Amino acid sequence: MGKEHTYLTDTIAENVSDKTIGNANFSLYVFDKSNARIGEGYINLANVGPGQTVKFQITLSASGNPVSVAVSASAPRSLSITVNSVPQGAVLKVDGKEVGTTPKIIEVAIGKHVLEFSKEGFNSGKFPLEMTSHDASGGSVSYELGSAAHDTIELRDGSVLSGDLISINGMQVQVRIGGNTQAFDRNQVKRILLTERDPVSN
């Protein structure tokens, strides 16, 4: 290979889609007159809105005399992620669009997103999510809703119950759920989230 030279090129990128490009990487390949690749450079686009044009300069390194430049980009891909909440059964919105209730497997494109959770008896909440090209499908996100109207009892089998904790001792946990008292073996219970309540005056 010959001596490497550096070249500066003006570049204009336009988002011709109807969605914002959250984050995208492009490779620029430099070819000589024999169509052999002699160098490369990189472009990164972040938060480019629909129809928006971005102008910038790129520094390319090449080991010969470049005669053409080609741009290569990975097609925008989506990743699969499991979204859960404590307690489960919350209505889930992704970027303002309702997609179902938790737990839910969703497909999200690379970039920034906002997950919204809502469930009766709990304060709704938002969770910022950013997916990059380095992330892999199969990940998970869990969001804990606050200000519960009832205590939350999480069992070791993955079940999540909402009720009022009556008593707990070394052997048993008693919970009132829907007006009925249920007893659980202490070893069945993984975690209890108590709700702060106003003191009861006699």
N, C-alpha and C. Protein backbone atom coordinates (compact mmCIF):
# COMPACT_ATOMS: atom_id res chain seq x y z
N MET A 1 0.84 -1.20 0.00
CA MET A 1 0.00 0.00 0.00
C MET A 1 0.88 1.25 0.00
N GLY A 2 0.39 2.28 -0.70
CA GLY A 2 1.14 3.51 -0.77
C GLY A 2 0.97 4.33 0.49
N LYS A 3 1.58 5.50 0.48
CA LYS A 3 1.49 6.39 1.63
C LYS A 3 0.06 6.88 1.80
N GLU A 4 -0.38 6.94 3.06
CA GLU A 4 -1.77 7.34 3.33
C GLU A 4 -1.90 8.85 3.30
N HIS A 5 -2.95 9.32 2.62
CA HIS A 5 -3.24 10.74 2.54
C HIS A 5 -4.58 11.03 3.21
N THR A 6 -4.76 12.27 3.63
CA THR A 6 -6.01 12.68 4.26
C THR A 6 -6.74 13.65 3.34
N TYR A 7 -8.03 13.41 3.15
CA TYR A 7 -8.85 14.26 2.29
C TYR A 7 -10.04 14.78 3.09
N LEU A 8 -10.44 15.99 2.76
CA LEU A 8 -11.59 16.61 3.42
C LEU A 8 -12.71 16.76 2.40
N THR A 9 -13.91 16.26 2.74
CA THR A 9 -15.02 16.34 1.81
C THR A 9 -16.25 16.95 2.49
N ASP A 10 -16.96 17.81 1.74
CA ASP A 10 -18.21 18.37 2.25
C ASP A 10 -19.33 17.37 2.01
N THR A 11 -20.17 17.18 3.02
CA THR A 11 -21.24 16.18 2.94
C THR A 11 -22.56 16.78 3.40
N ILE A 12 -23.62 16.43 2.69
CA ILE A 12 -24.97 16.84 3.08
C ILE A 12 -25.80 15.58 3.27
N ALA A 13 -26.44 15.45 4.43
CA ALA A 13 -27.32 14.31 4.71
C ALA A 13 -28.73 14.84 4.94
N GLU A 14 -29.70 14.17 4.34
CA GLU A 14 -31.09 14.58 4.51
C GLU A 14 -31.91 13.39 4.97
N ASN A 15 -32.75 13.61 5.97
CA ASN A 15 -33.67 12.57 6.45
C ASN A 15 -34.93 12.62 5.58
N VAL A 16 -35.06 11.65 4.67
CA VAL A 16 -36.20 11.65 3.75
C VAL A 16 -37.37 10.82 4.28
N SER A 17 -37.22 10.26 5.48
CA SER A 17 -38.30 9.48 6.08
C SER A 17 -39.23 10.39 6.86
N ASP A 18 -40.32 9.83 7.40
CA ASP A 18 -41.25 10.62 8.20
C ASP A 18 -41.02 10.42 9.69
N LYS A 19 -39.87 9.83 10.04
CA LYS A 19 -39.54 9.61 11.45
C LYS A 19 -38.19 10.22 11.76
N THR A 20 -38.00 10.60 13.02
CA THR A 20 -36.73 11.15 13.46
C THR A 20 -35.67 10.06 13.50
N ILE A 21 -34.48 10.37 12.99
CA ILE A 21 -33.36 9.44 13.11
C ILE A 21 -32.72 9.69 14.47
N GLY A 22 -32.93 8.76 15.39
CA GLY A 22 -32.39 8.92 16.73
C GLY A 22 -30.88 8.83 16.74
N ASN A 23 -30.34 7.79 16.11
CA ASN A 23 -28.90 7.59 16.05
C ASN A 23 -28.61 6.63 14.91
N ALA A 24 -27.75 7.03 13.96
CA ALA A 24 -27.42 6.17 12.83
C ALA A 24 -25.96 6.38 12.45
N ASN A 25 -25.29 5.29 12.13
CA ASN A 25 -23.89 5.34 11.72
C ASN A 25 -23.76 4.94 10.26
N PHE A 26 -22.96 5.67 9.51
CA PHE A 26 -22.73 5.39 8.11
C PHE A 26 -21.24 5.25 7.87
N SER A 27 -20.87 4.35 6.96
CA SER A 27 -19.47 4.20 6.56
C SER A 27 -19.30 4.75 5.15
N LEU A 28 -18.24 5.53 4.94
CA LEU A 28 -17.89 6.04 3.62
C LEU A 28 -16.65 5.29 3.14
N TYR A 29 -16.76 4.67 1.97
CA TYR A 29 -15.64 3.92 1.42
C TYR A 29 -15.08 4.66 0.22
N VAL A 30 -13.76 4.75 0.13
CA VAL A 30 -13.08 5.44 -0.95
C VAL A 30 -12.46 4.41 -1.90
N PHE A 31 -12.70 4.62 -3.21
CA PHE A 31 -12.21 3.67 -4.21
C PHE A 31 -11.27 4.38 -5.19
N ASP A 32 -10.30 3.61 -5.74
CA ASP A 32 -9.44 4.17 -6.78
C ASP A 32 -10.00 3.82 -8.15
N LYS A 33 -9.25 4.16 -9.22
CA LYS A 33 -9.77 3.97 -10.57
C LYS A 33 -9.93 2.50 -10.94
N SER A 34 -9.30 1.60 -10.18
CA SER A 34 -9.46 0.16 -10.43
C SER A 34 -10.58 -0.42 -9.58
N ASN A 35 -11.32 0.48 -8.93
CA ASN A 35 -12.44 0.10 -8.06
C ASN A 35 -11.99 -0.70 -6.84
N ALA A 36 -10.76 -0.48 -6.43
CA ALA A 36 -10.26 -1.11 -5.20
C ALA A 36 -10.48 -0.13 -4.05
N ARG A 37 -10.90 -0.68 -2.92
CA ARG A 37 -11.15 0.18 -1.76
C ARG A 37 -9.82 0.58 -1.14
N ILE A 38 -9.58 1.88 -1.04
CA ILE A 38 -8.30 2.35 -0.54
C ILE A 38 -8.41 3.16 0.74
N GLY A 39 -9.62 3.35 1.25
CA GLY A 39 -9.77 4.11 2.48
C GLY A 39 -11.22 4.17 2.92
N GLU A 40 -11.43 4.76 4.08
CA GLU A 40 -12.80 4.86 4.60
C GLU A 40 -12.91 5.99 5.61
N GLY A 41 -14.16 6.39 5.85
CA GLY A 41 -14.47 7.39 6.86
C GLY A 41 -15.82 7.05 7.47
N TYR A 42 -16.27 7.86 8.42
CA TYR A 42 -17.51 7.55 9.13
C TYR A 42 -18.38 8.79 9.30
N ILE A 43 -19.69 8.57 9.30
CA ILE A 43 -20.66 9.63 9.60
C ILE A 43 -21.55 9.13 10.72
N ASN A 44 -21.87 10.02 11.66
CA ASN A 44 -22.85 9.69 12.70
C ASN A 44 -23.93 10.76 12.68
N LEU A 45 -25.19 10.32 12.57
CA LEU A 45 -26.33 11.23 12.62
C LEU A 45 -27.10 10.98 13.91
N ALA A 46 -27.47 12.05 14.59
CA ALA A 46 -28.21 11.91 15.84
C ALA A 46 -29.33 12.94 15.89
N ASN A 47 -30.54 12.48 16.19
CA ASN A 47 -31.72 13.34 16.35
C ASN A 47 -31.96 14.26 15.14
N VAL A 48 -32.03 13.64 13.97
CA VAL A 48 -32.30 14.37 12.73
C VAL A 48 -33.78 14.19 12.41
N GLY A 49 -34.55 15.28 12.44
CA GLY A 49 -35.99 15.23 12.23
C GLY A 49 -36.37 14.97 10.78
N PRO A 50 -37.64 14.59 10.54
CA PRO A 50 -38.12 14.35 9.18
C PRO A 50 -37.89 15.55 8.28
N GLY A 51 -37.28 15.31 7.11
CA GLY A 51 -37.02 16.39 6.16
C GLY A 51 -35.85 17.29 6.51
N GLN A 52 -35.23 17.06 7.66
CA GLN A 52 -34.13 17.91 8.10
C GLN A 52 -32.84 17.58 7.35
N THR A 53 -32.08 18.62 7.00
CA THR A 53 -30.81 18.46 6.29
C THR A 53 -29.67 18.82 7.23
N VAL A 54 -28.63 18.00 7.22
CA VAL A 54 -27.46 18.23 8.05
C VAL A 54 -26.24 18.37 7.15
N LYS A 55 -25.47 19.45 7.33
CA LYS A 55 -24.26 19.66 6.56
C LYS A 55 -23.04 19.53 7.47
N PHE A 56 -22.03 18.82 7.01
CA PHE A 56 -20.81 18.70 7.79
C PHE A 56 -19.67 18.28 6.87
N GLN A 57 -18.44 18.36 7.40
CA GLN A 57 -17.26 17.95 6.66
C GLN A 57 -16.73 16.65 7.24
N ILE A 58 -16.24 15.80 6.35
CA ILE A 58 -15.72 14.51 6.78
C ILE A 58 -14.26 14.39 6.36
N THR A 59 -13.45 13.90 7.26
CA THR A 59 -12.05 13.64 6.95
C THR A 59 -11.90 12.18 6.55
N LEU A 60 -11.36 11.95 5.36
CA LEU A 60 -11.17 10.59 4.85
C LEU A 60 -9.68 10.31 4.76
N SER A 61 -9.30 9.09 5.10
CA SER A 61 -7.91 8.66 4.94
C SER A 61 -7.86 7.64 3.81
N ALA A 62 -6.93 7.81 2.88
CA ALA A 62 -6.82 6.89 1.75
C ALA A 62 -5.35 6.62 1.44
N SER A 63 -5.06 5.42 0.95
CA SER A 63 -3.68 5.03 0.66
C SER A 63 -3.33 5.18 -0.82
N GLY A 64 -4.21 5.83 -1.60
CA GLY A 64 -3.96 6.03 -3.01
C GLY A 64 -4.70 7.26 -3.49
N ASN A 65 -4.96 7.32 -4.79
CA ASN A 65 -5.68 8.45 -5.36
C ASN A 65 -7.16 8.11 -5.49
N PRO A 66 -8.02 8.72 -4.67
CA PRO A 66 -9.45 8.38 -4.73
C PRO A 66 -10.11 8.98 -5.97
N VAL A 67 -11.02 8.20 -6.56
CA VAL A 67 -11.80 8.70 -7.68
C VAL A 67 -13.29 8.61 -7.41
N SER A 68 -13.70 7.83 -6.41
CA SER A 68 -15.12 7.71 -6.08
C SER A 68 -15.30 7.40 -4.60
N VAL A 69 -16.48 7.78 -4.11
CA VAL A 69 -16.83 7.54 -2.71
C VAL A 69 -18.18 6.83 -2.68
N ALA A 70 -18.33 5.80 -1.87
CA ALA A 70 -19.60 5.10 -1.71
C ALA A 70 -19.99 5.14 -0.24
N VAL A 71 -21.30 5.29 0.01
CA VAL A 71 -21.81 5.34 1.37
C VAL A 71 -22.53 4.03 1.67
N SER A 72 -22.24 3.47 2.83
CA SER A 72 -22.91 2.25 3.25
C SER A 72 -23.51 2.48 4.63
N ALA A 73 -24.73 2.02 4.80
CA ALA A 73 -25.40 2.19 6.10
C ALA A 73 -26.18 0.95 6.44
N SER A 74 -26.14 0.60 7.69
CA SER A 74 -26.99 -0.50 8.14
C SER A 74 -28.43 0.00 8.13
N ALA A 75 -29.33 -0.81 7.62
CA ALA A 75 -30.74 -0.42 7.62
C ALA A 75 -31.21 -0.27 9.06
N PRO A 76 -32.03 0.75 9.33
CA PRO A 76 -32.53 0.91 10.70
C PRO A 76 -33.16 -0.39 11.17
N ARG A 77 -32.70 -0.91 12.28
CA ARG A 77 -33.24 -2.17 12.75
C ARG A 77 -33.94 -1.97 14.09
N SER A 78 -34.77 -2.92 14.40
CA SER A 78 -35.48 -2.85 15.67
C SER A 78 -34.99 -3.97 16.57
N LEU A 79 -35.15 -3.77 17.86
CA LEU A 79 -34.72 -4.74 18.86
C LEU A 79 -35.92 -5.17 19.68
N SER A 80 -35.90 -6.40 20.12
CA SER A 80 -36.97 -6.94 20.95
C SER A 80 -36.59 -6.78 22.42
N ILE A 81 -37.51 -6.25 23.21
CA ILE A 81 -37.24 -6.02 24.63
C ILE A 81 -38.49 -6.33 25.44
N THR A 82 -38.30 -6.93 26.59
CA THR A 82 -39.42 -7.23 27.49
C THR A 82 -39.58 -6.09 28.48
N VAL A 83 -40.80 -5.55 28.54
CA VAL A 83 -41.08 -4.44 29.45
C VAL A 83 -42.03 -4.95 30.54
N ASN A 84 -41.65 -4.75 31.78
CA ASN A 84 -42.47 -5.20 32.90
C ASN A 84 -42.67 -4.04 33.87
N SER A 85 -43.56 -4.23 34.80
CA SER A 85 -43.80 -3.21 35.82
C SER A 85 -44.13 -3.89 37.13
N VAL A 86 -43.92 -3.16 38.21
CA VAL A 86 -44.32 -3.61 39.55
C VAL A 86 -45.32 -2.60 40.08
N PRO A 87 -46.60 -3.00 40.23
CA PRO A 87 -47.15 -4.31 39.91
C PRO A 87 -47.36 -4.47 38.40
N GLN A 88 -47.58 -5.73 37.99
CA GLN A 88 -47.84 -6.00 36.59
C GLN A 88 -49.24 -5.54 36.21
N GLY A 89 -49.51 -5.56 34.89
CA GLY A 89 -50.85 -5.19 34.42
C GLY A 89 -51.01 -3.71 34.16
N ALA A 90 -49.90 -2.97 34.08
CA ALA A 90 -49.98 -1.54 33.78
C ALA A 90 -50.16 -1.34 32.28
N VAL A 91 -50.93 -0.35 31.90
CA VAL A 91 -51.07 0.01 30.49
C VAL A 91 -49.76 0.63 30.03
N LEU A 92 -49.23 0.12 28.92
CA LEU A 92 -47.93 0.56 28.43
C LEU A 92 -48.09 1.36 27.13
N LYS A 93 -47.45 2.52 27.09
CA LYS A 93 -47.38 3.31 25.86
C LYS A 93 -45.92 3.48 25.47
N VAL A 94 -45.64 3.36 24.18
CA VAL A 94 -44.30 3.59 23.65
C VAL A 94 -44.37 4.79 22.72
N ASP A 95 -43.66 5.85 23.08
CA ASP A 95 -43.68 7.10 22.30
C ASP A 95 -45.11 7.59 22.07
N GLY A 96 -45.95 7.47 23.12
CA GLY A 96 -47.32 7.98 23.06
C GLY A 96 -48.34 7.03 22.48
N LYS A 97 -47.90 5.87 21.99
CA LYS A 97 -48.82 4.91 21.37
C LYS A 97 -49.02 3.71 22.30
N GLU A 98 -50.29 3.42 22.61
CA GLU A 98 -50.58 2.30 23.50
C GLU A 98 -50.28 0.97 22.80
N VAL A 99 -49.55 0.10 23.50
CA VAL A 99 -49.14 -1.17 22.89
C VAL A 99 -49.62 -2.40 23.68
N GLY A 100 -50.30 -2.19 24.82
CA GLY A 100 -50.78 -3.33 25.60
C GLY A 100 -50.51 -3.13 27.08
N THR A 101 -50.52 -4.24 27.81
CA THR A 101 -50.27 -4.17 29.26
C THR A 101 -49.05 -5.01 29.61
N THR A 102 -48.41 -4.62 30.71
CA THR A 102 -47.21 -5.34 31.17
C THR A 102 -47.58 -6.66 31.83
N PRO A 103 -46.71 -7.68 31.70
CA PRO A 103 -45.46 -7.70 30.94
C PRO A 103 -45.73 -7.78 29.44
N LYS A 104 -44.88 -7.13 28.66
CA LYS A 104 -45.11 -7.02 27.22
C LYS A 104 -43.76 -7.05 26.48
N ILE A 105 -43.69 -7.87 25.43
CA ILE A 105 -42.51 -7.86 24.56
C ILE A 105 -42.79 -6.88 23.44
N ILE A 106 -41.91 -5.91 23.27
CA ILE A 106 -42.11 -4.88 22.24
C ILE A 106 -40.92 -4.85 21.30
N GLU A 107 -41.15 -4.29 20.11
CA GLU A 107 -40.08 -4.06 19.14
C GLU A 107 -39.83 -2.56 19.10
N VAL A 108 -38.60 -2.15 19.33
CA VAL A 108 -38.27 -0.72 19.30
C VAL A 108 -37.08 -0.51 18.37
N ALA A 109 -37.14 0.60 17.63
CA ALA A 109 -36.05 0.94 16.72
C ALA A 109 -34.88 1.51 17.52
N ILE A 110 -33.71 1.46 16.93
CA ILE A 110 -32.54 2.09 17.55
C ILE A 110 -32.80 3.59 17.68
N GLY A 111 -32.49 4.12 18.84
CA GLY A 111 -32.72 5.54 19.10
C GLY A 111 -33.33 5.74 20.47
N LYS A 112 -33.86 6.95 20.70
CA LYS A 112 -34.43 7.30 22.00
C LYS A 112 -35.95 7.13 21.98
N HIS A 113 -36.48 6.61 23.07
CA HIS A 113 -37.92 6.37 23.20
C HIS A 113 -38.37 6.76 24.61
N VAL A 114 -39.68 6.89 24.77
CA VAL A 114 -40.26 7.15 26.09
C VAL A 114 -41.32 6.09 26.36
N LEU A 115 -41.16 5.37 27.46
CA LEU A 115 -42.16 4.38 27.88
C LEU A 115 -43.03 5.04 28.95
N GLU A 116 -44.35 4.86 28.82
CA GLU A 116 -45.28 5.41 29.80
C GLU A 116 -46.08 4.28 30.43
N PHE A 117 -46.24 4.34 31.75
CA PHE A 117 -46.94 3.30 32.49
C PHE A 117 -48.10 3.93 33.26
N SER A 118 -49.25 3.27 33.24
CA SER A 118 -50.39 3.75 34.03
C SER A 118 -51.21 2.57 34.52
N LYS A 119 -51.66 2.66 35.76
CA LYS A 119 -52.48 1.61 36.35
C LYS A 119 -53.35 2.24 37.41
N GLU A 120 -54.61 1.84 37.44
CA GLU A 120 -55.55 2.39 38.40
C GLU A 120 -55.05 2.16 39.82
N GLY A 121 -55.08 3.23 40.62
CA GLY A 121 -54.62 3.13 42.01
C GLY A 121 -53.15 3.48 42.18
N PHE A 122 -52.46 3.77 41.08
CA PHE A 122 -51.04 4.11 41.14
C PHE A 122 -50.77 5.38 40.33
N ASN A 123 -49.73 6.08 40.72
CA ASN A 123 -49.31 7.23 39.93
C ASN A 123 -48.71 6.73 38.62
N SER A 124 -49.06 7.39 37.52
CA SER A 124 -48.47 7.02 36.24
C SER A 124 -47.02 7.49 36.21
N GLY A 125 -46.24 6.90 35.33
CA GLY A 125 -44.84 7.26 35.27
C GLY A 125 -44.28 7.11 33.87
N LYS A 126 -43.14 7.79 33.64
CA LYS A 126 -42.46 7.72 32.35
C LYS A 126 -41.05 7.20 32.56
N PHE A 127 -40.55 6.48 31.55
CA PHE A 127 -39.21 5.90 31.62
C PHE A 127 -38.50 6.16 30.30
N PRO A 128 -37.39 6.92 30.31
CA PRO A 128 -36.67 7.16 29.06
C PRO A 128 -35.85 5.92 28.69
N LEU A 129 -35.93 5.53 27.43
CA LEU A 129 -35.23 4.33 26.96
C LEU A 129 -34.42 4.70 25.72
N GLU A 130 -33.16 4.34 25.72
CA GLU A 130 -32.32 4.57 24.53
C GLU A 130 -31.70 3.25 24.10
N MET A 131 -31.94 2.89 22.85
CA MET A 131 -31.38 1.67 22.28
C MET A 131 -30.29 2.05 21.29
N THR A 132 -29.15 1.35 21.34
CA THR A 132 -28.06 1.62 20.42
C THR A 132 -27.80 0.38 19.57
N SER A 133 -26.97 0.55 18.55
CA SER A 133 -26.64 -0.57 17.67
C SER A 133 -25.85 -1.64 18.40
N HIS A 134 -25.34 -1.31 19.58
CA HIS A 134 -24.56 -2.28 20.35
C HIS A 134 -25.46 -3.13 21.26
N ASP A 135 -26.72 -2.73 21.41
CA ASP A 135 -27.64 -3.50 22.26
C ASP A 135 -28.10 -4.75 21.50
N ALA A 136 -28.45 -5.77 22.25
CA ALA A 136 -28.93 -7.02 21.66
C ALA A 136 -30.39 -7.23 22.03
N SER A 137 -31.11 -7.93 21.15
CA SER A 137 -32.50 -8.27 21.45
C SER A 137 -32.54 -9.18 22.67
N GLY A 138 -33.69 -9.17 23.34
CA GLY A 138 -33.87 -10.07 24.47
C GLY A 138 -33.64 -9.41 25.81
N GLY A 139 -33.33 -8.11 25.84
CA GLY A 139 -33.14 -7.43 27.10
C GLY A 139 -34.47 -7.16 27.79
N SER A 140 -34.41 -6.57 28.97
CA SER A 140 -35.64 -6.30 29.69
C SER A 140 -35.55 -5.00 30.48
N VAL A 141 -36.71 -4.42 30.71
CA VAL A 141 -36.83 -3.19 31.49
C VAL A 141 -37.95 -3.41 32.49
N SER A 142 -37.76 -2.99 33.74
CA SER A 142 -38.82 -3.10 34.73
C SER A 142 -38.99 -1.74 35.40
N TYR A 143 -40.24 -1.32 35.52
CA TYR A 143 -40.55 0.00 36.10
C TYR A 143 -41.46 -0.20 37.30
N GLU A 144 -41.12 0.47 38.40
CA GLU A 144 -41.93 0.34 39.62
C GLU A 144 -42.84 1.56 39.76
N LEU A 145 -44.14 1.30 39.71
CA LEU A 145 -45.11 2.38 39.85
C LEU A 145 -45.19 2.82 41.31
N GLY A 146 -45.35 4.11 41.53
CA GLY A 146 -45.37 4.63 42.89
C GLY A 146 -46.75 4.94 43.40
N SER A 147 -46.83 5.31 44.67
CA SER A 147 -48.07 5.73 45.33
C SER A 147 -49.20 4.71 45.16
N ALA A 148 -48.92 3.51 45.58
CA ALA A 148 -49.93 2.47 45.47
C ALA A 148 -51.08 2.72 46.42
N ALA A 149 -52.28 2.36 45.99
CA ALA A 149 -53.44 2.46 46.85
C ALA A 149 -53.44 1.30 47.85
N HIS A 150 -52.72 0.23 47.51
CA HIS A 150 -52.62 -0.96 48.37
C HIS A 150 -51.17 -1.40 48.47
N ASP A 151 -50.92 -2.30 49.42
CA ASP A 151 -49.61 -2.90 49.53
C ASP A 151 -49.40 -3.85 48.35
N THR A 152 -48.15 -4.05 48.00
CA THR A 152 -47.81 -4.97 46.91
C THR A 152 -47.02 -6.13 47.48
N ILE A 153 -47.48 -7.35 47.20
CA ILE A 153 -46.82 -8.56 47.67
C ILE A 153 -46.33 -9.33 46.46
N GLU A 154 -45.01 -9.49 46.35
CA GLU A 154 -44.42 -10.20 45.22
C GLU A 154 -44.05 -11.61 45.69
N LEU A 155 -44.59 -12.61 45.02
CA LEU A 155 -44.32 -14.00 45.37
C LEU A 155 -43.13 -14.54 44.58
N ARG A 156 -42.54 -15.61 45.09
CA ARG A 156 -41.35 -16.17 44.45
C ARG A 156 -41.66 -16.80 43.10
N ASP A 157 -42.92 -17.13 42.83
CA ASP A 157 -43.28 -17.71 41.53
C ASP A 157 -43.48 -16.63 40.46
N GLY A 158 -43.24 -15.35 40.85
CA GLY A 158 -43.38 -14.26 39.89
C GLY A 158 -44.71 -13.53 39.98
N SER A 159 -45.66 -14.07 40.75
CA SER A 159 -46.96 -13.40 40.90
C SER A 159 -46.81 -12.13 41.73
N VAL A 160 -47.61 -11.13 41.38
CA VAL A 160 -47.62 -9.88 42.13
C VAL A 160 -49.06 -9.60 42.56
N LEU A 161 -49.26 -9.47 43.87
CA LEU A 161 -50.60 -9.26 44.43
C LEU A 161 -50.71 -7.85 44.97
N SER A 162 -51.93 -7.31 44.88
CA SER A 162 -52.19 -5.98 45.43
C SER A 162 -53.29 -6.11 46.47
N GLY A 163 -52.99 -5.70 47.71
CA GLY A 163 -53.96 -5.83 48.79
C GLY A 163 -53.48 -5.08 50.01
N ASP A 164 -54.04 -5.41 51.15
CA ASP A 164 -53.65 -4.78 52.41
C ASP A 164 -53.02 -5.82 53.32
N LEU A 165 -51.76 -5.58 53.69
CA LEU A 165 -51.06 -6.50 54.58
C LEU A 165 -51.70 -6.43 55.97
N ILE A 166 -52.13 -7.58 56.48
CA ILE A 166 -52.75 -7.63 57.80
C ILE A 166 -51.72 -7.98 58.87
N SER A 167 -50.97 -9.05 58.62
CA SER A 167 -49.96 -9.45 59.60
C SER A 167 -48.88 -10.27 58.91
N ILE A 168 -47.72 -10.30 59.57
CA ILE A 168 -46.60 -11.09 59.07
C ILE A 168 -45.83 -11.62 60.27
N ASN A 169 -45.46 -12.88 60.21
CA ASN A 169 -44.60 -13.46 61.25
C ASN A 169 -43.62 -14.41 60.56
N GLY A 170 -42.89 -15.16 61.34
CA GLY A 170 -41.87 -16.04 60.78
C GLY A 170 -42.42 -17.16 59.93
N MET A 171 -43.71 -17.46 60.06
CA MET A 171 -44.29 -18.61 59.35
C MET A 171 -45.29 -18.21 58.27
N GLN A 172 -45.96 -17.07 58.45
CA GLN A 172 -47.11 -16.78 57.59
C GLN A 172 -47.27 -15.29 57.33
N VAL A 173 -47.83 -15.00 56.14
CA VAL A 173 -48.16 -13.62 55.77
C VAL A 173 -49.65 -13.60 55.45
N GLN A 174 -50.39 -12.69 56.10
CA GLN A 174 -51.82 -12.56 55.83
C GLN A 174 -52.08 -11.24 55.09
N VAL A 175 -52.85 -11.37 54.01
CA VAL A 175 -53.14 -10.22 53.16
C VAL A 175 -54.64 -10.18 52.86
N ARG A 176 -55.24 -8.99 52.91
CA ARG A 176 -56.63 -8.83 52.53
C ARG A 176 -56.66 -8.36 51.07
N ILE A 177 -57.23 -9.19 50.21
CA ILE A 177 -57.30 -8.89 48.78
C ILE A 177 -58.76 -8.91 48.36
N GLY A 178 -59.25 -7.77 47.90
CA GLY A 178 -60.65 -7.69 47.47
C GLY A 178 -61.64 -8.03 48.56
N GLY A 179 -61.31 -7.70 49.80
CA GLY A 179 -62.21 -7.96 50.92
C GLY A 179 -62.05 -9.33 51.54
N ASN A 180 -61.27 -10.21 50.92
CA ASN A 180 -61.03 -11.56 51.44
C ASN A 180 -59.61 -11.68 51.98
N THR A 181 -59.49 -12.36 53.12
CA THR A 181 -58.17 -12.54 53.72
C THR A 181 -57.54 -13.82 53.19
N GLN A 182 -56.30 -13.70 52.72
CA GLN A 182 -55.57 -14.86 52.23
C GLN A 182 -54.29 -15.00 53.02
N ALA A 183 -53.90 -16.26 53.27
CA ALA A 183 -52.67 -16.53 54.02
C ALA A 183 -51.66 -17.20 53.10
N PHE A 184 -50.41 -16.77 53.21
CA PHE A 184 -49.34 -17.33 52.40
C PHE A 184 -48.22 -17.80 53.31
N ASP A 185 -47.60 -18.93 52.93
CA ASP A 185 -46.42 -19.39 53.65
C ASP A 185 -45.34 -18.33 53.49
N ARG A 186 -44.63 -18.04 54.57
CA ARG A 186 -43.61 -16.97 54.54
C ARG A 186 -42.58 -17.22 53.44
N ASN A 187 -42.26 -18.48 53.15
CA ASN A 187 -41.27 -18.82 52.14
C ASN A 187 -41.77 -18.56 50.71
N GLN A 188 -43.10 -18.40 50.55
CA GLN A 188 -43.64 -18.09 49.23
C GLN A 188 -43.42 -16.64 48.85
N VAL A 189 -43.24 -15.78 49.86
CA VAL A 189 -43.19 -14.34 49.64
C VAL A 189 -41.75 -13.90 49.40
N LYS A 190 -41.55 -13.24 48.26
CA LYS A 190 -40.22 -12.72 47.91
C LYS A 190 -40.01 -11.31 48.44
N ARG A 191 -41.04 -10.45 48.26
CA ARG A 191 -40.87 -9.05 48.63
C ARG A 191 -42.23 -8.45 48.93
N ILE A 192 -42.27 -7.51 49.88
CA ILE A 192 -43.50 -6.79 50.23
C ILE A 192 -43.20 -5.30 50.15
N LEU A 193 -44.03 -4.59 49.38
CA LEU A 193 -43.90 -3.14 49.28
C LEU A 193 -45.09 -2.52 50.01
N LEU A 194 -44.82 -1.84 51.11
CA LEU A 194 -45.89 -1.26 51.91
C LEU A 194 -46.20 0.15 51.44
N THR A 195 -47.48 0.48 51.43
CA THR A 195 -47.93 1.81 51.06
C THR A 195 -48.07 2.67 52.31
N GLU A 196 -47.56 3.90 52.22
CA GLU A 196 -47.69 4.80 53.36
C GLU A 196 -49.13 5.26 53.47
N ARG A 197 -49.68 5.15 54.65
CA ARG A 197 -51.07 5.54 54.88
C ARG A 197 -51.13 6.55 56.04
N ASP A 198 -52.19 7.31 56.02
CA ASP A 198 -52.40 8.25 57.14
C ASP A 198 -52.73 7.45 58.39
N PRO A 199 -52.20 7.88 59.55
CA PRO A 199 -52.50 7.15 60.79
C PRO A 199 -54.00 7.17 61.10
N VAL A 200 -54.47 6.03 61.60
CA VAL A 200 -55.88 5.91 61.96
C VAL A 200 -56.07 6.40 63.38
N SER A 201 -56.96 7.36 63.57
CA SER A 201 -57.20 7.89 64.93
C SER A 201 -58.34 7.12 65.58
N ASN A 202 -58.19 6.84 66.86
CA ASN A 202 -59.21 6.10 67.60
C ASN A 202 -60.28 7.06 68.13
